[in-house]
Amino acid sequence: MKLSVIICARNAESTIEECLKSVRCNNPSEIILVDGNSSDNTVRIAEKFVDKILSDKGKGLSLSLIHI
């Protein structure tokens, strides 16, 4: 069975790497990060672990998920 994992994050540089490593250990088909307009290194760190990065451009994470 194929499984996509969507992680929503905003300014999560202190926890995002551990989170994504944990998800990756379960071998999902894809990992998608929806970034909540982070002003830290969340996106830069996540780029190593995810297949796709989306941004809510400051409009709210729930709005971004509607358009996936």
Protein backbone atom coordinates (compact mmCIF):
# COMPACT_ATOMS: atom_id res chain seq x y z
CA MET A 1 0.00 0.00 0.00
CA LYS A 2 1.30 3.47 -0.88
CA LEU A 3 1.32 6.01 1.90
CA SER A 4 1.95 9.75 1.67
CA VAL A 5 2.84 11.61 4.85
CA ILE A 6 2.12 15.31 5.17
CA ILE A 7 3.95 17.25 7.87
CA CYS A 8 2.81 20.77 8.75
CA ALA A 9 5.46 22.93 10.36
CA ARG A 10 6.31 26.51 11.20
CA ASN A 11 9.61 27.59 12.76
CA ALA A 12 10.34 24.00 13.78
CA GLU A 13 14.10 23.93 13.20
CA SER A 14 14.72 22.43 16.64
CA THR A 15 12.48 19.39 16.00
CA ILE A 16 11.93 18.97 12.24
CA GLU A 17 14.98 16.77 11.55
CA GLU A 18 14.12 14.25 14.25
CA CYS A 19 10.49 14.21 13.13
CA LEU A 20 11.35 13.61 9.48
CA LYS A 21 13.94 10.93 10.26
CA SER A 22 11.31 9.10 12.28
CA VAL A 23 8.78 9.30 9.46
CA ARG A 24 11.36 8.21 6.88
CA CYS A 25 12.16 5.05 8.90
CA ASN A 26 8.66 3.81 8.04
CA ASN A 27 9.34 4.03 4.28
CA PRO A 28 6.34 6.07 3.11
CA SER A 29 5.86 6.56 -0.63
CA GLU A 30 6.40 10.28 -0.19
CA ILE A 31 6.87 12.90 2.48
CA ILE A 32 5.41 16.36 1.94
CA LEU A 33 6.21 19.35 4.12
CA VAL A 34 3.69 22.17 4.29
CA ASP A 35 5.62 25.10 5.68
CA GLY A 36 3.77 27.80 7.58
CA ASN A 37 5.97 30.65 6.32
CA SER A 38 8.88 29.77 8.63
CA SER A 39 11.46 32.44 9.38
CA ASP A 40 14.07 29.96 10.68
CA ASN A 41 15.90 27.04 9.02
CA THR A 42 12.95 24.64 8.96
CA VAL A 43 12.76 24.46 5.16
CA ARG A 44 16.53 24.19 4.66
CA ILE A 45 16.70 21.28 7.11
CA ALA A 46 13.62 19.55 5.68
CA GLU A 47 14.92 19.66 2.10
CA LYS A 48 17.21 16.72 2.92
CA PHE A 49 14.32 14.47 3.94
CA VAL A 50 11.18 15.34 1.98
CA ASP A 51 9.98 14.79 -1.56
CA LYS A 52 8.03 18.02 -1.83
CA ILE A 53 7.79 21.32 0.04
CA LEU A 54 4.69 23.48 -0.13
CA SER A 55 4.24 26.85 1.51
CA ASP A 56 1.10 28.43 2.86
CA LYS A 57 2.64 31.87 2.11
CA GLY A 58 1.34 33.10 5.44
CA LYS A 59 -2.31 32.23 4.70
CA GLY A 60 -2.57 29.32 7.15
CA LEU A 61 -1.75 25.65 6.90
CA SER A 62 -5.34 24.49 6.49
CA LEU A 63 -5.70 26.59 3.33
CA SER A 64 -2.61 24.94 1.82
CA LEU A 65 -3.91 21.43 2.47
CA ILE A 66 -7.07 22.15 0.50
CA HIS A 67 -4.96 22.72 -2.62
CA ILE A 68 -2.78 19.58 -2.49
